[in-house]
Amino acid sequence: MKFITAGHRFGNKVVPTDIQKEIAQAISNATTVPAKRASPQIKGEILDTLQRIGWSAEVALDPVSRITITSCKMRVGLVFQTGNIGRMYADLLKLQTLYLRETIVAAVFIVPTLEVAQILGDNITNFERLIKELPIFERAITVPILIYGIT
Protein backbone atom coordinates (compact mmCIF):
# COMPACT_ATOMS: atom_id res chain seq x y z
CA MET A 1 0.00 0.00 0.00
CA LYS A 2 1.00 3.60 -0.47
CA PHE A 3 0.57 6.48 1.94
CA ILE A 4 0.81 10.23 2.39
CA THR A 5 1.78 12.08 5.57
CA ALA A 6 1.08 15.30 7.40
CA GLY A 7 2.11 16.71 10.74
CA HIS A 8 0.32 18.47 13.59
CA ARG A 9 2.44 20.49 16.00
CA PHE A 10 5.64 19.31 14.30
CA GLY A 11 4.80 15.61 14.69
CA ASN A 12 6.86 14.91 11.57
CA LYS A 13 9.91 16.25 13.43
CA VAL A 14 9.19 14.95 16.95
CA VAL A 15 8.40 11.34 16.01
CA PRO A 16 11.81 9.62 15.77
CA THR A 17 13.01 8.81 12.26
CA ASP A 18 13.34 5.09 13.13
CA ILE A 19 9.67 4.98 14.14
CA GLN A 20 8.66 6.79 10.95
CA LYS A 21 10.60 4.28 8.85
CA GLU A 22 9.05 1.30 10.64
CA ILE A 23 5.52 2.55 10.07
CA ALA A 24 6.23 3.50 6.46
CA GLN A 25 7.65 0.03 5.81
CA ALA A 26 4.71 -1.74 7.50
CA ILE A 27 2.22 0.21 5.39
CA SER A 28 4.26 -0.23 2.19
CA ASN A 29 4.48 -4.00 2.71
CA ALA A 30 0.72 -4.44 3.23
CA THR A 31 -0.94 -6.28 0.36
CA THR A 32 -4.63 -6.26 1.33
CA VAL A 33 -6.64 -4.49 -1.36
CA PRO A 34 -9.11 -1.90 -0.03
CA ALA A 35 -12.67 -3.21 -0.41
CA LYS A 36 -15.96 -3.11 1.44
CA ARG A 37 -15.43 -4.61 4.92
CA ALA A 38 -11.65 -5.04 4.37
CA SER A 39 -10.75 -2.68 7.24
CA PRO A 40 -10.02 -5.47 9.76
CA GLN A 41 -7.67 -7.22 7.31
CA ILE A 42 -5.80 -4.01 6.42
CA LYS A 43 -5.46 -3.01 10.04
CA GLY A 44 -4.50 -6.52 11.13
CA GLU A 45 -1.84 -6.92 8.47
CA ILE A 46 -0.12 -3.62 9.33
CA LEU A 47 -0.40 -4.07 13.10
CA ASP A 48 0.94 -7.65 12.93
CA THR A 49 4.02 -6.30 11.17
CA LEU A 50 4.47 -3.55 13.76
CA GLN A 51 4.01 -5.90 16.71
CA ARG A 52 6.66 -8.26 15.30
CA ILE A 53 9.17 -5.38 15.52
CA GLY A 54 8.35 -4.32 19.05
CA TRP A 55 5.16 -2.27 19.03
CA SER A 56 2.91 -3.12 21.96
CA ALA A 57 -0.59 -4.52 21.99
CA GLU A 58 -3.36 -2.10 23.04
CA VAL A 59 -2.41 0.37 25.77
CA ALA A 60 -4.97 1.24 28.47
CA LEU A 61 -5.30 4.84 29.57
CA ASP A 62 -6.44 3.75 33.01
CA PRO A 63 -6.33 0.36 34.77
CA VAL A 64 -10.05 0.45 35.66
CA SER A 65 -11.23 1.48 32.19
CA ARG A 66 -11.40 -0.24 28.84
CA ILE A 67 -10.29 2.96 27.08
CA THR A 68 -7.25 2.14 24.96
CA ILE A 69 -5.06 3.29 22.11
CA THR A 70 -3.84 0.89 19.46
CA SER A 71 -0.18 0.63 20.42
CA CYS A 72 2.91 2.35 21.81
CA LYS A 73 6.67 2.21 21.31
CA MET A 74 9.48 4.44 22.56
CA ARG A 75 6.90 6.78 24.15
CA VAL A 76 5.13 7.29 20.83
CA GLY A 77 1.41 6.51 20.97
CA LEU A 78 -0.23 4.96 17.93
CA VAL A 79 -3.85 5.08 16.85
CA PHE A 80 -4.97 3.17 13.77
CA GLN A 81 -8.54 4.21 12.98
CA THR A 82 -10.57 2.70 10.16
CA GLY A 83 -13.95 3.12 11.82
CA ASN A 84 -16.65 5.75 12.15
CA ILE A 85 -15.58 9.40 11.90
CA GLY A 86 -16.92 10.03 15.41
CA ARG A 87 -14.17 7.82 16.85
CA MET A 88 -11.52 10.22 15.51
CA TYR A 89 -12.32 12.78 18.22
CA ALA A 90 -12.21 10.19 20.99
CA ASP A 91 -8.83 9.00 19.73
CA LEU A 92 -7.47 12.57 19.72
CA LEU A 93 -8.59 12.97 23.34
CA LYS A 94 -6.91 9.70 24.31
CA LEU A 95 -3.63 10.76 22.73
CA GLN A 96 -3.82 14.20 24.34
CA THR A 97 -4.46 12.63 27.75
CA LEU A 98 -1.43 10.35 27.43
CA TYR A 99 0.66 13.33 26.33
CA LEU A 100 -0.43 15.47 29.30
CA ARG A 101 0.33 12.58 31.64
CA GLU A 102 3.80 12.43 30.03
CA THR A 103 3.25 8.80 29.04
CA ILE A 104 3.97 9.70 25.40
CA VAL A 105 6.02 12.48 23.80
CA ALA A 106 4.36 12.25 20.38
CA ALA A 107 1.73 10.31 18.47
CA VAL A 108 1.11 8.60 15.16
CA PHE A 109 -2.37 8.46 13.66
CA ILE A 110 -2.97 6.04 10.77
CA VAL A 111 -6.18 6.51 8.76
CA PRO A 112 -7.34 5.85 5.21
CA THR A 113 -7.49 8.72 2.75
CA LEU A 114 -10.97 9.87 1.77
CA GLU A 115 -10.83 7.82 -1.44
CA VAL A 116 -9.94 4.62 0.43
CA ALA A 117 -12.40 5.39 3.26
CA GLN A 118 -15.23 5.60 0.72
CA ILE A 119 -14.26 2.15 -0.58
CA LEU A 120 -14.11 0.67 2.94
CA GLY A 121 -17.53 1.88 4.04
CA ASP A 122 -19.73 4.80 5.04
CA ASN A 123 -18.75 7.70 7.31
CA ILE A 124 -15.23 6.36 7.88
CA THR A 125 -12.47 8.46 9.49
CA ASN A 126 -10.22 9.89 6.79
CA PHE A 127 -6.93 11.70 6.36
CA GLU A 128 -8.34 14.77 4.65
CA ARG A 129 -10.90 15.45 7.36
CA LEU A 130 -8.39 14.86 10.16
CA ILE A 131 -5.83 17.29 8.76
CA LYS A 132 -8.55 19.84 7.98
CA GLU A 133 -9.99 19.75 11.50
CA LEU A 134 -6.84 19.46 13.63
CA PRO A 135 -6.03 23.19 13.26
CA ILE A 136 -9.45 24.00 14.76
CA PHE A 137 -8.35 22.20 17.94
CA GLU A 138 -4.77 23.56 17.91
CA ARG A 139 -4.99 24.87 21.47
CA ALA A 140 -6.73 21.77 22.83
CA ILE A 141 -4.80 19.04 20.99
CA THR A 142 -1.18 19.91 21.71
CA VAL A 143 0.38 16.48 21.30
CA PRO A 144 2.70 16.40 18.25
CA ILE A 145 1.08 14.02 15.74
CA LEU A 146 2.41 12.44 12.56
CA ILE A 147 -0.53 11.40 10.38
CA TYR A 148 -0.33 8.63 7.78
CA GLY A 149 -3.04 8.46 5.13
CA ILE A 150 -3.33 5.08 3.45
CA THR A 151 -3.91 5.54 -0.30
C-alpha atoms as a PDB file:
ATOM      1  CA  MET A   1       0.000   0.000   0.000  1.00  0.00           C
ATOM      2  CA  LYS A   2       0.997   3.597  -0.468  1.00  0.00           C
ATOM      3  CA  PHE A   3       0.569   6.485   1.944  1.00  0.00           C
ATOM      4  CA  ILE A   4       0.811  10.232   2.392  1.00  0.00           C
ATOM      5  CA  THR A   5       1.775  12.077   5.568  1.00  0.00           C
ATOM      6  CA  ALA A   6       1.077  15.304   7.400  1.00  0.00           C
ATOM      7  CA  GLY A   7       2.109  16.709  10.740  1.00  0.00           C
ATOM      8  CA  HIS A   8       0.323  18.471  13.585  1.00  0.00           C
ATOM      9  CA  ARG A   9       2.439  20.490  16.003  1.00  0.00           C
ATOM     10  CA  PHE A  10       5.640  19.309  14.304  1.00  0.00           C
ATOM     11  CA  GLY A  11       4.797  15.613  14.692  1.00  0.00           C
ATOM     12  CA  ASN A  12       6.859  14.915  11.570  1.00  0.00           C
ATOM     13  CA  LYS A  13       9.912  16.255  13.430  1.00  0.00           C
ATOM     14  CA  VAL A  14       9.185  14.954  16.947  1.00  0.00           C
ATOM     15  CA  VAL A  15       8.396  11.336  16.012  1.00  0.00           C
ATOM     16  CA  PRO A  16      11.810   9.623  15.771  1.00  0.00           C
ATOM     17  CA  THR A  17      13.013   8.806  12.265  1.00  0.00           C
ATOM     18  CA  ASP A  18      13.344   5.094  13.129  1.00  0.00           C
ATOM     19  CA  ILE A  19       9.671   4.984  14.138  1.00  0.00           C
ATOM     20  CA  GLN A  20       8.662   6.794  10.951  1.00  0.00           C
ATOM     21  CA  LYS A  21      10.597   4.281   8.848  1.00  0.00           C
ATOM     22  CA  GLU A  22       9.048   1.295  10.644  1.00  0.00           C
ATOM     23  CA  ILE A  23       5.522   2.549  10.073  1.00  0.00           C
ATOM     24  CA  ALA A  24       6.231   3.496   6.463  1.00  0.00           C
ATOM     25  CA  GLN A  25       7.654   0.025   5.812  1.00  0.00           C
ATOM     26  CA  ALA A  26       4.714  -1.742   7.496  1.00  0.00           C
ATOM     27  CA  ILE A  27       2.220   0.210   5.387  1.00  0.00           C
ATOM     28  CA  SER A  28       4.257  -0.231   2.192  1.00  0.00           C
ATOM     29  CA  ASN A  29       4.476  -3.998   2.710  1.00  0.00           C
ATOM     30  CA  ALA A  30       0.719  -4.438   3.228  1.00  0.00           C
ATOM     31  CA  THR A  31      -0.938  -6.279   0.362  1.00  0.00           C
ATOM     32  CA  THR A  32      -4.630  -6.259   1.327  1.00  0.00           C
ATOM     33  CA  VAL A  33      -6.643  -4.492  -1.357  1.00  0.00           C
ATOM     34  CA  PRO A  34      -9.113  -1.900  -0.034  1.00  0.00           C
ATOM     35  CA  ALA A  35     -12.667  -3.214  -0.412  1.00  0.00           C
ATOM     36  CA  LYS A  36     -15.964  -3.110   1.444  1.00  0.00           C
ATOM     37  CA  ARG A  37     -15.434  -4.612   4.917  1.00  0.00           C
ATOM     38  CA  ALA A  38     -11.650  -5.042   4.373  1.00  0.00           C
ATOM     39  CA  SER A  39     -10.749  -2.683   7.240  1.00  0.00           C
ATOM     40  CA  PRO A  40     -10.015  -5.466   9.758  1.00  0.00           C
ATOM     41  CA  GLN A  41      -7.673  -7.224   7.307  1.00  0.00           C
ATOM     42  CA  ILE A  42      -5.796  -4.014   6.420  1.00  0.00           C
ATOM     43  CA  LYS A  43      -5.464  -3.006  10.038  1.00  0.00           C
ATOM     44  CA  GLY A  44      -4.495  -6.518  11.130  1.00  0.00           C
ATOM     45  CA  GLU A  45      -1.838  -6.918   8.466  1.00  0.00           C
ATOM     46  CA  ILE A  46      -0.121  -3.620   9.326  1.00  0.00           C
ATOM     47  CA  LEU A  47      -0.399  -4.071  13.103  1.00  0.00           C
ATOM     48  CA  ASP A  48       0.939  -7.647  12.926  1.00  0.00           C
ATOM     49  CA  THR A  49       4.023  -6.302  11.171  1.00  0.00           C
ATOM     50  CA  LEU A  50       4.468  -3.549  13.760  1.00  0.00           C
ATOM     51  CA  GLN A  51       4.012  -5.904  16.711  1.00  0.00           C
ATOM     52  CA  ARG A  52       6.665  -8.255  15.305  1.00  0.00           C
ATOM     53  CA  ILE A  53       9.169  -5.379  15.522  1.00  0.00           C
ATOM     54  CA  GLY A  54       8.345  -4.325  19.052  1.00  0.00           C
ATOM     55  CA  TRP A  55       5.159  -2.271  19.028  1.00  0.00           C
ATOM     56  CA  SER A  56       2.905  -3.117  21.962  1.00  0.00           C
ATOM     57  CA  ALA A  57      -0.594  -4.517  21.994  1.00  0.00           C
ATOM     58  CA  GLU A  58      -3.360  -2.102  23.043  1.00  0.00           C
ATOM     59  CA  VAL A  59      -2.411   0.367  25.775  1.00  0.00           C
ATOM     60  CA  ALA A  60      -4.970   1.239  28.470  1.00  0.00           C
ATOM     61  CA  LEU A  61      -5.301   4.842  29.572  1.00  0.00           C
ATOM     62  CA  ASP A  62      -6.444   3.745  33.012  1.00  0.00           C
ATOM     63  CA  PRO A  63      -6.331   0.362  34.769  1.00  0.00           C
ATOM     64  CA  VAL A  64     -10.055   0.451  35.656  1.00  0.00           C
ATOM     65  CA  SER A  65     -11.235   1.482  32.190  1.00  0.00           C
ATOM     66  CA  ARG A  66     -11.403  -0.244  28.837  1.00  0.00           C
ATOM     67  CA  ILE A  67     -10.294   2.962  27.080  1.00  0.00           C
ATOM     68  CA  THR A  68      -7.254   2.144  24.961  1.00  0.00           C
ATOM     69  CA  ILE A  69      -5.060   3.289  22.108  1.00  0.00           C
ATOM     70  CA  THR A  70      -3.841   0.892  19.459  1.00  0.00           C
ATOM     71  CA  SER A  71      -0.176   0.633  20.420  1.00  0.00           C
ATOM     72  CA  CYS A  72       2.909   2.349  21.814  1.00  0.00           C
ATOM     73  CA  LYS A  73       6.672   2.209  21.310  1.00  0.00           C
ATOM     74  CA  MET A  74       9.483   4.439  22.558  1.00  0.00           C
ATOM     75  CA  ARG A  75       6.903   6.783  24.148  1.00  0.00           C
ATOM     76  CA  VAL A  76       5.125   7.291  20.828  1.00  0.00           C
ATOM     77  CA  GLY A  77       1.415   6.506  20.973  1.00  0.00           C
ATOM     78  CA  LEU A  78      -0.233   4.958  17.925  1.00  0.00           C
ATOM     79  CA  VAL A  79      -3.849   5.082  16.852  1.00  0.00           C
ATOM     80  CA  PHE A  80      -4.971   3.169  13.766  1.00  0.00           C
ATOM     81  CA  GLN A  81      -8.537   4.208  12.979  1.00  0.00           C
ATOM     82  CA  THR A  82     -10.572   2.702  10.157  1.00  0.00           C
ATOM     83  CA  GLY A  83     -13.949   3.120  11.819  1.00  0.00           C
ATOM     84  CA  ASN A  84     -16.653   5.753  12.146  1.00  0.00           C
ATOM     85  CA  ILE A  85     -15.576   9.398  11.903  1.00  0.00           C
ATOM     86  CA  GLY A  86     -16.918  10.029  15.408  1.00  0.00           C
ATOM     87  CA  ARG A  87     -14.167   7.824  16.854  1.00  0.00           C
ATOM     88  CA  MET A  88     -11.524  10.218  15.515  1.00  0.00           C
ATOM     89  CA  TYR A  89     -12.315  12.781  18.219  1.00  0.00           C
ATOM     90  CA  ALA A  90     -12.208  10.192  20.994  1.00  0.00           C
ATOM     91  CA  ASP A  91      -8.826   9.004  19.727  1.00  0.00           C
ATOM     92  CA  LEU A  92      -7.473  12.566  19.723  1.00  0.00           C
ATOM     93  CA  LEU A  93      -8.590  12.971  23.344  1.00  0.00           C
ATOM     94  CA  LYS A  94      -6.914   9.704  24.308  1.00  0.00           C
ATOM     95  CA  LEU A  95      -3.625  10.764  22.728  1.00  0.00           C
ATOM     96  CA  GLN A  96      -3.818  14.198  24.341  1.00  0.00           C
ATOM     97  CA  THR A  97      -4.462  12.626  27.748  1.00  0.00           C
ATOM     98  CA  LEU A  98      -1.433  10.350  27.429  1.00  0.00           C
ATOM     99  CA  TYR A  99       0.657  13.326  26.329  1.00  0.00           C
ATOM    100  CA  LEU A 100      -0.431  15.474  29.296  1.00  0.00           C
ATOM    101  CA  ARG A 101       0.331  12.582  31.642  1.00  0.00           C
ATOM    102  CA  GLU A 102       3.799  12.428  30.032  1.00  0.00           C
ATOM    103  CA  THR A 103       3.249   8.796  29.038  1.00  0.00           C
ATOM    104  CA  ILE A 104       3.967   9.698  25.405  1.00  0.00           C
ATOM    105  CA  VAL A 105       6.022  12.482  23.801  1.00  0.00           C
ATOM    106  CA  ALA A 106       4.359  12.249  20.385  1.00  0.00           C
ATOM    107  CA  ALA A 107       1.734  10.313  18.465  1.00  0.00           C
ATOM    108  CA  VAL A 108       1.111   8.603  15.158  1.00  0.00           C
ATOM    109  CA  PHE A 109      -2.372   8.465  13.662  1.00  0.00           C
ATOM    110  CA  ILE A 110      -2.969   6.043  10.767  1.00  0.00           C
ATOM    111  CA  VAL A 111      -6.175   6.513   8.762  1.00  0.00           C
ATOM    112  CA  PRO A 112      -7.339   5.849   5.214  1.00  0.00           C
ATOM    113  CA  THR A 113      -7.489   8.717   2.747  1.00  0.00           C
ATOM    114  CA  LEU A 114     -10.965   9.870   1.770  1.00  0.00           C
ATOM    115  CA  GLU A 115     -10.827   7.824  -1.436  1.00  0.00           C
ATOM    116  CA  VAL A 116      -9.942   4.621   0.425  1.00  0.00           C
ATOM    117  CA  ALA A 117     -12.403   5.388   3.261  1.00  0.00           C
ATOM    118  CA  GLN A 118     -15.229   5.597   0.720  1.00  0.00           C
ATOM    119  CA  ILE A 119     -14.259   2.147  -0.582  1.00  0.00           C
ATOM    120  CA  LEU A 120     -14.109   0.672   2.944  1.00  0.00           C
ATOM    121  CA  GLY A 121     -17.532   1.879   4.041  1.00  0.00           C
ATOM    122  CA  ASP A 122     -19.728   4.797   5.042  1.00  0.00           C
ATOM    123  CA  ASN A 123     -18.753   7.703   7.307  1.00  0.00           C
ATOM    124  CA  ILE A 124     -15.226   6.361   7.881  1.00  0.00           C
ATOM    125  CA  THR A 125     -12.470   8.457   9.487  1.00  0.00           C
ATOM    126  CA  ASN A 126     -10.217   9.886   6.794  1.00  0.00           C
ATOM    127  CA  PHE A 127      -6.926  11.703   6.361  1.00  0.00           C
ATOM    128  CA  GLU A 128      -8.341  14.770   4.653  1.00  0.00           C
ATOM    129  CA  ARG A 129     -10.901  15.454   7.360  1.00  0.00           C
ATOM    130  CA  LEU A 130      -8.395  14.862  10.159  1.00  0.00           C
ATOM    131  CA  ILE A 131      -5.830  17.293   8.763  1.00  0.00           C
ATOM    132  CA  LYS A 132      -8.546  19.842   7.983  1.00  0.00           C
ATOM    133  CA  GLU A 133      -9.991  19.755  11.496  1.00  0.00           C
ATOM    134  CA  LEU A 134      -6.840  19.463  13.629  1.00  0.00           C
ATOM    135  CA  PRO A 135      -6.025  23.190  13.264  1.00  0.00           C
ATOM    136  CA  ILE A 136      -9.445  23.997  14.756  1.00  0.00           C
ATOM    137  CA  PHE A 137      -8.349  22.197  17.939  1.00  0.00           C
ATOM    138  CA  GLU A 138      -4.774  23.555  17.906  1.00  0.00           C
ATOM    139  CA  ARG A 139      -4.993  24.873  21.468  1.00  0.00           C
ATOM    140  CA  ALA A 140      -6.732  21.775  22.830  1.00  0.00           C
ATOM    141  CA  ILE A 141      -4.799  19.036  20.989  1.00  0.00           C
ATOM    142  CA  THR A 142      -1.178  19.905  21.713  1.00  0.00           C
ATOM    143  CA  VAL A 143       0.384  16.476  21.299  1.00  0.00           C
ATOM    144  CA  PRO A 144       2.696  16.397  18.252  1.00  0.00           C
ATOM    145  CA  ILE A 145       1.083  14.016  15.744  1.00  0.00           C
ATOM    146  CA  LEU A 146       2.407  12.436  12.560  1.00  0.00           C
ATOM    147  CA  ILE A 147      -0.531  11.401  10.382  1.00  0.00           C
ATOM    148  CA  TYR A 148      -0.331   8.630   7.780  1.00  0.00           C
ATOM    149  CA  GLY A 149      -3.044   8.458   5.133  1.00  0.00           C
ATOM    150  CA  ILE A 150      -3.334   5.076   3.448  1.00  0.00           C
ATOM    151  CA  THR A 151      -3.909   5.538  -0.299  1.00  0.00           C
END
